[in-house]
């Protein structure tokens, strides 16, 4: 969540999120980011299955819109 809070409105790719989450270069799968996104959405979205605050940008990554209504 910190990566998104520091970069509101910017689309972050899975690769970028992995490098921010694991700066020491530990090997992790990009799908682990999807699991984290799902968990964050459960906490911040009014309807997690229809995200408005933390949206998916198909083929690119995820974007955090703090001004969207949860």
PDB file of N, CA and C in Angstrom:
ATOM      1  N   UNK A   1       0.837  -1.187   0.000  1.00  0.00           N
ATOM      2  CA  UNK A   1       0.000   0.000   0.000  1.00  0.00           C
ATOM      3  C   UNK A   1       0.880   1.248   0.000  1.00  0.00           C
ATOM      4  N   UNK A   2       2.019   1.143   0.651  1.00  0.00           N
ATOM      5  CA  UNK A   2       2.916   2.286   0.712  1.00  0.00           C
ATOM      6  C   UNK A   2       3.335   2.756  -0.684  1.00  0.00           C
ATOM      7  N   UNK A   3       3.642   1.806  -1.563  1.00  0.00           N
ATOM      8  CA  UNK A   3       4.058   2.143  -2.927  1.00  0.00           C
ATOM      9  C   UNK A   3       2.971   2.955  -3.634  1.00  0.00           C
ATOM     10  N   UNK A   4       1.716   2.573  -3.438  1.00  0.00           N
ATOM     11  CA  UNK A   4       0.610   3.296  -4.061  1.00  0.00           C
ATOM     12  C   UNK A   4       0.397   4.663  -3.416  1.00  0.00           C
ATOM     13  N   UNK A   5       0.482   4.727  -2.099  1.00  0.00           N
ATOM     14  CA  UNK A   5       0.269   5.985  -1.388  1.00  0.00           C
ATOM     15  C   UNK A   5       1.322   7.025  -1.776  1.00  0.00           C
ATOM     16  N   UNK A   6       2.529   6.571  -2.055  1.00  0.00           N
ATOM     17  CA  UNK A   6       3.600   7.487  -2.460  1.00  0.00           C
ATOM     18  C   UNK A   6       3.510   7.877  -3.931  1.00  0.00           C
ATOM     19  N   UNK A   7       2.687   7.165  -4.707  1.00  0.00           N
ATOM     20  CA  UNK A   7       2.549   7.408  -6.147  1.00  0.00           C
ATOM     21  C   UNK A   7       1.081   7.406  -6.578  1.00  0.00           C
ATOM     22  N   UNK A   8       0.240   8.237  -5.977  1.00  0.00           N
ATOM     23  CA  UNK A   8      -1.185   8.219  -6.337  1.00  0.00           C
ATOM     24  C   UNK A   8      -1.395   8.615  -7.795  1.00  0.00           C
ATOM     25  N   UNK A   9      -2.315   7.908  -8.452  1.00  0.00           N
ATOM     26  CA  UNK A   9      -2.644   8.219  -9.834  1.00  0.00           C
ATOM     27  C   UNK A   9      -1.665   7.648 -10.850  1.00  0.00           C
ATOM     28  N   UNK A  10      -0.602   7.047 -10.387  1.00  0.00           N
ATOM     29  CA  UNK A  10       0.404   6.469 -11.298  1.00  0.00           C
ATOM     30  C   UNK A  10       0.181   4.967 -11.399  1.00  0.00           C
ATOM     31  N   UNK A  11       0.173   4.452 -12.625  1.00  0.00           N
ATOM     32  CA  UNK A  11       0.006   3.014 -12.819  1.00  0.00           C
ATOM     33  C   UNK A  11       1.322   2.319 -12.529  1.00  0.00           C
ATOM     34  N   UNK A  12       1.264   1.327 -11.643  1.00  0.00           N
ATOM     35  CA  UNK A  12       2.456   0.580 -11.255  1.00  0.00           C
ATOM     36  C   UNK A  12       2.350  -0.844 -11.790  1.00  0.00           C
ATOM     37  N   UNK A  13       3.384  -1.290 -12.468  1.00  0.00           N
ATOM     38  CA  UNK A  13       3.405  -2.643 -13.016  1.00  0.00           C
ATOM     39  C   UNK A  13       3.700  -3.650 -11.907  1.00  0.00           C
ATOM     40  N   UNK A  14       3.421  -4.911 -12.179  1.00  0.00           N
ATOM     41  CA  UNK A  14       3.749  -5.970 -11.217  1.00  0.00           C
ATOM     42  C   UNK A  14       5.249  -5.982 -10.928  1.00  0.00           C
ATOM     43  N   UNK A  15       6.053  -5.810 -11.985  1.00  0.00           N
ATOM     44  CA  UNK A  15       7.503  -5.823 -11.820  1.00  0.00           C
ATOM     45  C   UNK A  15       7.962  -4.706 -10.889  1.00  0.00           C
ATOM     46  N   UNK A  16       7.392  -3.518 -11.073  1.00  0.00           N
ATOM     47  CA  UNK A  16       7.755  -2.399 -10.214  1.00  0.00           C
ATOM     48  C   UNK A  16       7.327  -2.670  -8.772  1.00  0.00           C
ATOM     49  N   UNK A  17       6.122  -3.189  -8.598  1.00  0.00           N
ATOM     50  CA  UNK A  17       5.637  -3.494  -7.255  1.00  0.00           C
ATOM     51  C   UNK A  17       6.501  -4.567  -6.591  1.00  0.00           C
ATOM     52  N   UNK A  18       6.922  -5.567  -7.359  1.00  0.00           N
ATOM     53  CA  UNK A  18       7.808  -6.602  -6.811  1.00  0.00           C
ATOM     54  C   UNK A  18       9.140  -6.004  -6.363  1.00  0.00           C
ATOM     55  N   UNK A  19       9.698  -5.127  -7.183  1.00  0.00           N
ATOM     56  CA  UNK A  19      10.989  -4.536  -6.813  1.00  0.00           C
ATOM     57  C   UNK A  19      10.860  -3.614  -5.605  1.00  0.00           C
ATOM     58  N   UNK A  20       9.729  -2.944  -5.470  1.00  0.00           N
ATOM     59  CA  UNK A  20       9.511  -2.088  -4.305  1.00  0.00           C
ATOM     60  C   UNK A  20       9.242  -2.900  -3.044  1.00  0.00           C
ATOM     61  N   UNK A  21       8.565  -4.034  -3.211  1.00  0.00           N
ATOM     62  CA  UNK A  21       8.236  -4.888  -2.065  1.00  0.00           C
ATOM     63  C   UNK A  21       9.433  -5.714  -1.606  1.00  0.00           C
ATOM     64  N   UNK A  22      10.337  -6.019  -2.532  1.00  0.00           N
ATOM     65  CA  UNK A  22      11.488  -6.874  -2.233  1.00  0.00           C
ATOM     66  C   UNK A  22      12.759  -6.224  -2.783  1.00  0.00           C
ATOM     67  N   UNK A  23      13.212  -5.129  -2.171  1.00  0.00           N
ATOM     68  CA  UNK A  23      14.336  -4.374  -2.725  1.00  0.00           C
ATOM     69  C   UNK A  23      15.667  -5.133  -2.748  1.00  0.00           C
ATOM     70  N   UNK A  24      15.782  -6.197  -1.996  1.00  0.00           N
ATOM     71  CA  UNK A  24      17.043  -6.956  -1.975  1.00  0.00           C
ATOM     72  C   UNK A  24      17.156  -7.910  -3.149  1.00  0.00           C
ATOM     73  N   UNK A  25      16.175  -7.913  -4.016  1.00  0.00           N
ATOM     74  CA  UNK A  25      16.222  -8.761  -5.191  1.00  0.00           C
ATOM     75  C   UNK A  25      15.810 -10.191  -4.939  1.00  0.00           C
ATOM     76  N   UNK A  26      15.127 -10.455  -3.828  1.00  0.00           N
ATOM     77  CA  UNK A  26      14.643 -11.811  -3.567  1.00  0.00           C
ATOM     78  C   UNK A  26      13.743 -12.259  -4.710  1.00  0.00           C
ATOM     79  N   UNK A  27      13.823 -13.526  -5.040  1.00  0.00           N
ATOM     80  CA  UNK A  27      12.994 -14.080  -6.107  1.00  0.00           C
ATOM     81  C   UNK A  27      11.559 -14.277  -5.611  1.00  0.00           C
ATOM     82  N   UNK A  28      10.623 -13.676  -6.312  1.00  0.00           N
ATOM     83  CA  UNK A  28       9.204 -13.836  -6.018  1.00  0.00           C
ATOM     84  C   UNK A  28       8.454 -13.856  -7.337  1.00  0.00           C
ATOM     85  N   UNK A  29       7.291 -14.466  -7.323  1.00  0.00           N
ATOM     86  CA  UNK A  29       6.473 -14.542  -8.525  1.00  0.00           C
ATOM     87  C   UNK A  29       5.582 -13.313  -8.625  1.00  0.00           C
ATOM     88  N   UNK A  30       5.357 -12.838  -9.848  1.00  0.00           N
ATOM     89  CA  UNK A  30       4.533 -11.652 -10.025  1.00  0.00           C
ATOM     90  C   UNK A  30       3.095 -11.877  -9.582  1.00  0.00           C
ATOM     91  N   UNK A  31       2.643 -13.107  -9.539  1.00  0.00           N
ATOM     92  CA  UNK A  31       1.280 -13.387  -9.078  1.00  0.00           C
ATOM     93  C   UNK A  31       1.132 -13.153  -7.578  1.00  0.00           C
ATOM     94  N   UNK A  32       2.231 -13.123  -6.847  1.00  0.00           N
ATOM     95  CA  UNK A  32       2.140 -12.816  -5.415  1.00  0.00           C
ATOM     96  C   UNK A  32       1.628 -11.397  -5.216  1.00  0.00           C
ATOM     97  N   UNK A  33       1.890 -10.526  -6.187  1.00  0.00           N
ATOM     98  CA  UNK A  33       1.375  -9.156  -6.127  1.00  0.00           C
ATOM     99  C   UNK A  33      -0.142  -9.179  -6.238  1.00  0.00           C
ATOM    100  N   UNK A  34      -0.673 -10.039  -7.098  1.00  0.00           N
ATOM    101  CA  UNK A  34      -2.132 -10.143  -7.250  1.00  0.00           C
ATOM    102  C   UNK A  34      -2.791 -10.531  -5.930  1.00  0.00           C
ATOM    103  N   UNK A  35      -2.169 -11.427  -5.207  1.00  0.00           N
ATOM    104  CA  UNK A  35      -2.705 -11.848  -3.909  1.00  0.00           C
ATOM    105  C   UNK A  35      -2.699 -10.670  -2.941  1.00  0.00           C
ATOM    106  N   UNK A  36      -1.628  -9.911  -2.932  1.00  0.00           N
ATOM    107  CA  UNK A  36      -1.554  -8.736  -2.045  1.00  0.00           C
ATOM    108  C   UNK A  36      -2.608  -7.701  -2.409  1.00  0.00           C
ATOM    109  N   UNK A  37      -2.799  -7.488  -3.707  1.00  0.00           N
ATOM    110  CA  UNK A  37      -3.808  -6.526  -4.171  1.00  0.00           C
ATOM    111  C   UNK A  37      -5.189  -6.961  -3.703  1.00  0.00           C
ATOM    112  N   UNK A  38      -5.481  -8.239  -3.827  1.00  0.00           N
ATOM    113  CA  UNK A  38      -6.779  -8.771  -3.385  1.00  0.00           C
ATOM    114  C   UNK A  38      -6.972  -8.503  -1.898  1.00  0.00           C
ATOM    115  N   UNK A  39      -5.963  -8.732  -1.109  1.00  0.00           N
ATOM    116  CA  UNK A  39      -6.063  -8.511   0.342  1.00  0.00           C
ATOM    117  C   UNK A  39      -6.236  -7.040   0.688  1.00  0.00           C
ATOM    118  N   UNK A  40      -5.533  -6.173  -0.016  1.00  0.00           N
ATOM    119  CA  UNK A  40      -5.689  -4.728   0.209  1.00  0.00           C
ATOM    120  C   UNK A  40      -7.098  -4.294  -0.157  1.00  0.00           C
ATOM    121  N   UNK A  41      -7.597  -4.776  -1.290  1.00  0.00           N
ATOM    122  CA  UNK A  41      -8.949  -4.414  -1.726  1.00  0.00           C
ATOM    123  C   UNK A  41     -10.002  -4.824  -0.706  1.00  0.00           C
ATOM    124  N   UNK A  42      -9.827  -5.978  -0.103  1.00  0.00           N
ATOM    125  CA  UNK A  42     -10.786  -6.422   0.924  1.00  0.00           C
ATOM    126  C   UNK A  42     -10.849  -5.440   2.075  1.00  0.00           C
ATOM    127  N   UNK A  43      -9.759  -4.743   2.327  1.00  0.00           N
ATOM    128  CA  UNK A  43      -9.706  -3.803   3.451  1.00  0.00           C
ATOM    129  C   UNK A  43     -10.171  -2.397   3.090  1.00  0.00           C
ATOM    130  N   UNK A  44      -9.929  -1.957   1.851  1.00  0.00           N
ATOM    131  CA  UNK A  44     -10.194  -0.549   1.537  1.00  0.00           C
ATOM    132  C   UNK A  44     -11.378  -0.301   0.610  1.00  0.00           C
ATOM    133  N   UNK A  45     -11.820  -1.306  -0.103  1.00  0.00           N
ATOM    134  CA  UNK A  45     -12.907  -1.116  -1.057  1.00  0.00           C
ATOM    135  C   UNK A  45     -14.262  -1.418  -0.418  1.00  0.00           C
ATOM    136  N   UNK A  46     -15.267  -0.628  -0.786  1.00  0.00           N
ATOM    137  CA  UNK A  46     -16.624  -0.888  -0.306  1.00  0.00           C
ATOM    138  C   UNK A  46     -17.137  -2.204  -0.897  1.00  0.00           C
ATOM    139  N   UNK A  47     -16.847  -2.413  -2.186  1.00  0.00           N
ATOM    140  CA  UNK A  47     -17.220  -3.653  -2.881  1.00  0.00           C
ATOM    141  C   UNK A  47     -15.936  -4.161  -3.548  1.00  0.00           C
ATOM    142  N   UNK A  48     -15.198  -5.045  -2.870  1.00  0.00           N
ATOM    143  CA  UNK A  48     -13.906  -5.500  -3.406  1.00  0.00           C
ATOM    144  C   UNK A  48     -13.956  -6.101  -4.811  1.00  0.00           C
ATOM    145  N   UNK A  49     -15.072  -6.677  -5.190  1.00  0.00           N
ATOM    146  CA  UNK A  49     -15.176  -7.269  -6.533  1.00  0.00           C
ATOM    147  C   UNK A  49     -15.345  -6.204  -7.628  1.00  0.00           C
ATOM    148  N   UNK A  50     -15.642  -4.970  -7.220  1.00  0.00           N
ATOM    149  CA  UNK A  50     -15.743  -3.844  -8.151  1.00  0.00           C
ATOM    150  C   UNK A  50     -14.899  -2.689  -7.636  1.00  0.00           C
ATOM    151  N   UNK A  51     -13.589  -2.833  -7.720  1.00  0.00           N
ATOM    152  CA  UNK A  51     -12.689  -1.825  -7.128  1.00  0.00           C
ATOM    153  C   UNK A  51     -12.772  -0.469  -7.811  1.00  0.00           C
ATOM    154  N   UNK A  52     -12.723   0.568  -6.996  1.00  0.00           N
ATOM    155  CA  UNK A  52     -12.715   1.936  -7.501  1.00  0.00           C
ATOM    156  C   UNK A  52     -11.471   2.674  -7.045  1.00  0.00           C
ATOM    157  N   UNK A  53     -10.968   2.320  -5.874  1.00  0.00           N
ATOM    158  CA  UNK A  53      -9.808   3.005  -5.303  1.00  0.00           C
ATOM    159  C   UNK A  53      -8.508   2.394  -5.824  1.00  0.00           C
ATOM    160  N   UNK A  54      -8.444   1.093  -5.889  1.00  0.00           N
ATOM    161  CA  UNK A  54      -7.263   0.377  -6.365  1.00  0.00           C
ATOM    162  C   UNK A  54      -7.681  -0.456  -7.579  1.00  0.00           C
ATOM    163  N   UNK A  55      -7.516   0.154  -8.752  1.00  0.00           N
ATOM    164  CA  UNK A  55      -8.027  -0.444  -9.990  1.00  0.00           C
ATOM    165  C   UNK A  55      -6.939  -1.178 -10.770  1.00  0.00           C
ATOM    166  N   UNK A  56      -7.385  -2.147 -11.550  1.00  0.00           N
ATOM    167  CA  UNK A  56      -6.511  -2.877 -12.463  1.00  0.00           C
ATOM    168  C   UNK A  56      -6.488  -2.152 -13.803  1.00  0.00           C
ATOM    169  N   UNK A  57      -5.294  -1.977 -14.352  1.00  0.00           N
ATOM    170  CA  UNK A  57      -5.131  -1.445 -15.696  1.00  0.00           C
ATOM    171  C   UNK A  57      -4.634  -2.622 -16.521  1.00  0.00           C
ATOM    172  N   UNK A  58      -5.520  -3.199 -17.304  1.00  0.00           N
ATOM    173  CA  UNK A  58      -5.208  -4.442 -18.038  1.00  0.00           C
ATOM    174  C   UNK A  58      -3.933  -4.330 -18.856  1.00  0.00           C
ATOM    175  N   UNK A  59      -3.089  -5.330 -18.688  1.00  0.00           N
ATOM    176  CA  UNK A  59      -1.847  -5.402 -19.436  1.00  0.00           C
ATOM    177  C   UNK A  59      -0.740  -4.503 -18.922  1.00  0.00           C
ATOM    178  N   UNK A  60      -1.047  -3.673 -17.905  1.00  0.00           N
ATOM    179  CA  UNK A  60      -0.038  -2.741 -17.393  1.00  0.00           C
ATOM    180  C   UNK A  60       0.229  -2.958 -15.914  1.00  0.00           C
ATOM    181  N   UNK A  61      -0.809  -2.892 -15.087  1.00  0.00           N
ATOM    182  CA  UNK A  61      -0.611  -3.050 -13.649  1.00  0.00           C
ATOM    183  C   UNK A  61      -1.803  -2.558 -12.859  1.00  0.00           C
ATOM    184  N   UNK A  62      -1.514  -1.771 -11.839  1.00  0.00           N
ATOM    185  CA  UNK A  62      -2.556  -1.279 -10.930  1.00  0.00           C
ATOM    186  C   UNK A  62      -2.362   0.214 -10.691  1.00  0.00           C
ATOM    187  N   UNK A  63      -3.475   0.899 -10.430  1.00  0.00           N
ATOM    188  CA  UNK A  63      -3.418   2.329 -10.129  1.00  0.00           C
ATOM    189  C   UNK A  63      -4.258   2.619  -8.891  1.00  0.00           C
ATOM    190  N   UNK A  64      -3.737   3.477  -8.036  1.00  0.00           N
ATOM    191  CA  UNK A  64      -4.406   3.892  -6.799  1.00  0.00           C
ATOM    192  C   UNK A  64      -4.994   5.280  -7.026  1.00  0.00           C
ATOM    193  N   UNK A  65      -6.307   5.396  -6.807  1.00  0.00           N
ATOM    194  CA  UNK A  65      -6.994   6.677  -6.948  1.00  0.00           C
ATOM    195  C   UNK A  65      -7.591   7.052  -5.595  1.00  0.00           C
ATOM    196  N   UNK A  66      -6.847   7.825  -4.791  1.00  0.00           N
ATOM    197  CA  UNK A  66      -7.324   8.151  -3.447  1.00  0.00           C
ATOM    198  C   UNK A  66      -8.570   9.014  -3.442  1.00  0.00           C
ATOM    199  N   UNK A  67      -8.911   9.648  -4.559  1.00  0.00           N
ATOM    200  CA  UNK A  67     -10.084  10.511  -4.610  1.00  0.00           C
ATOM    201  C   UNK A  67     -11.366   9.768  -4.974  1.00  0.00           C
ATOM    202  N   UNK A  68     -11.232   8.509  -5.382  1.00  0.00           N
ATOM    203  CA  UNK A  68     -12.412   7.710  -5.731  1.00  0.00           C
ATOM    204  C   UNK A  68     -13.151   7.339  -4.456  1.00  0.00           C
ATOM    205  N   UNK A  69     -14.450   7.229  -4.562  1.00  0.00           N
ATOM    206  CA  UNK A  69     -15.245   6.805  -3.411  1.00  0.00           C
ATOM    207  C   UNK A  69     -15.179   5.303  -3.288  1.00  0.00           C
ATOM    208  N   UNK A  70     -14.835   4.849  -2.114  1.00  0.00           N
ATOM    209  CA  UNK A  70     -14.697   3.403  -1.875  1.00  0.00           C
ATOM    210  C   UNK A  70     -16.031   2.721  -1.851  1.00  0.00           C
TER     211      UNK A  70
END
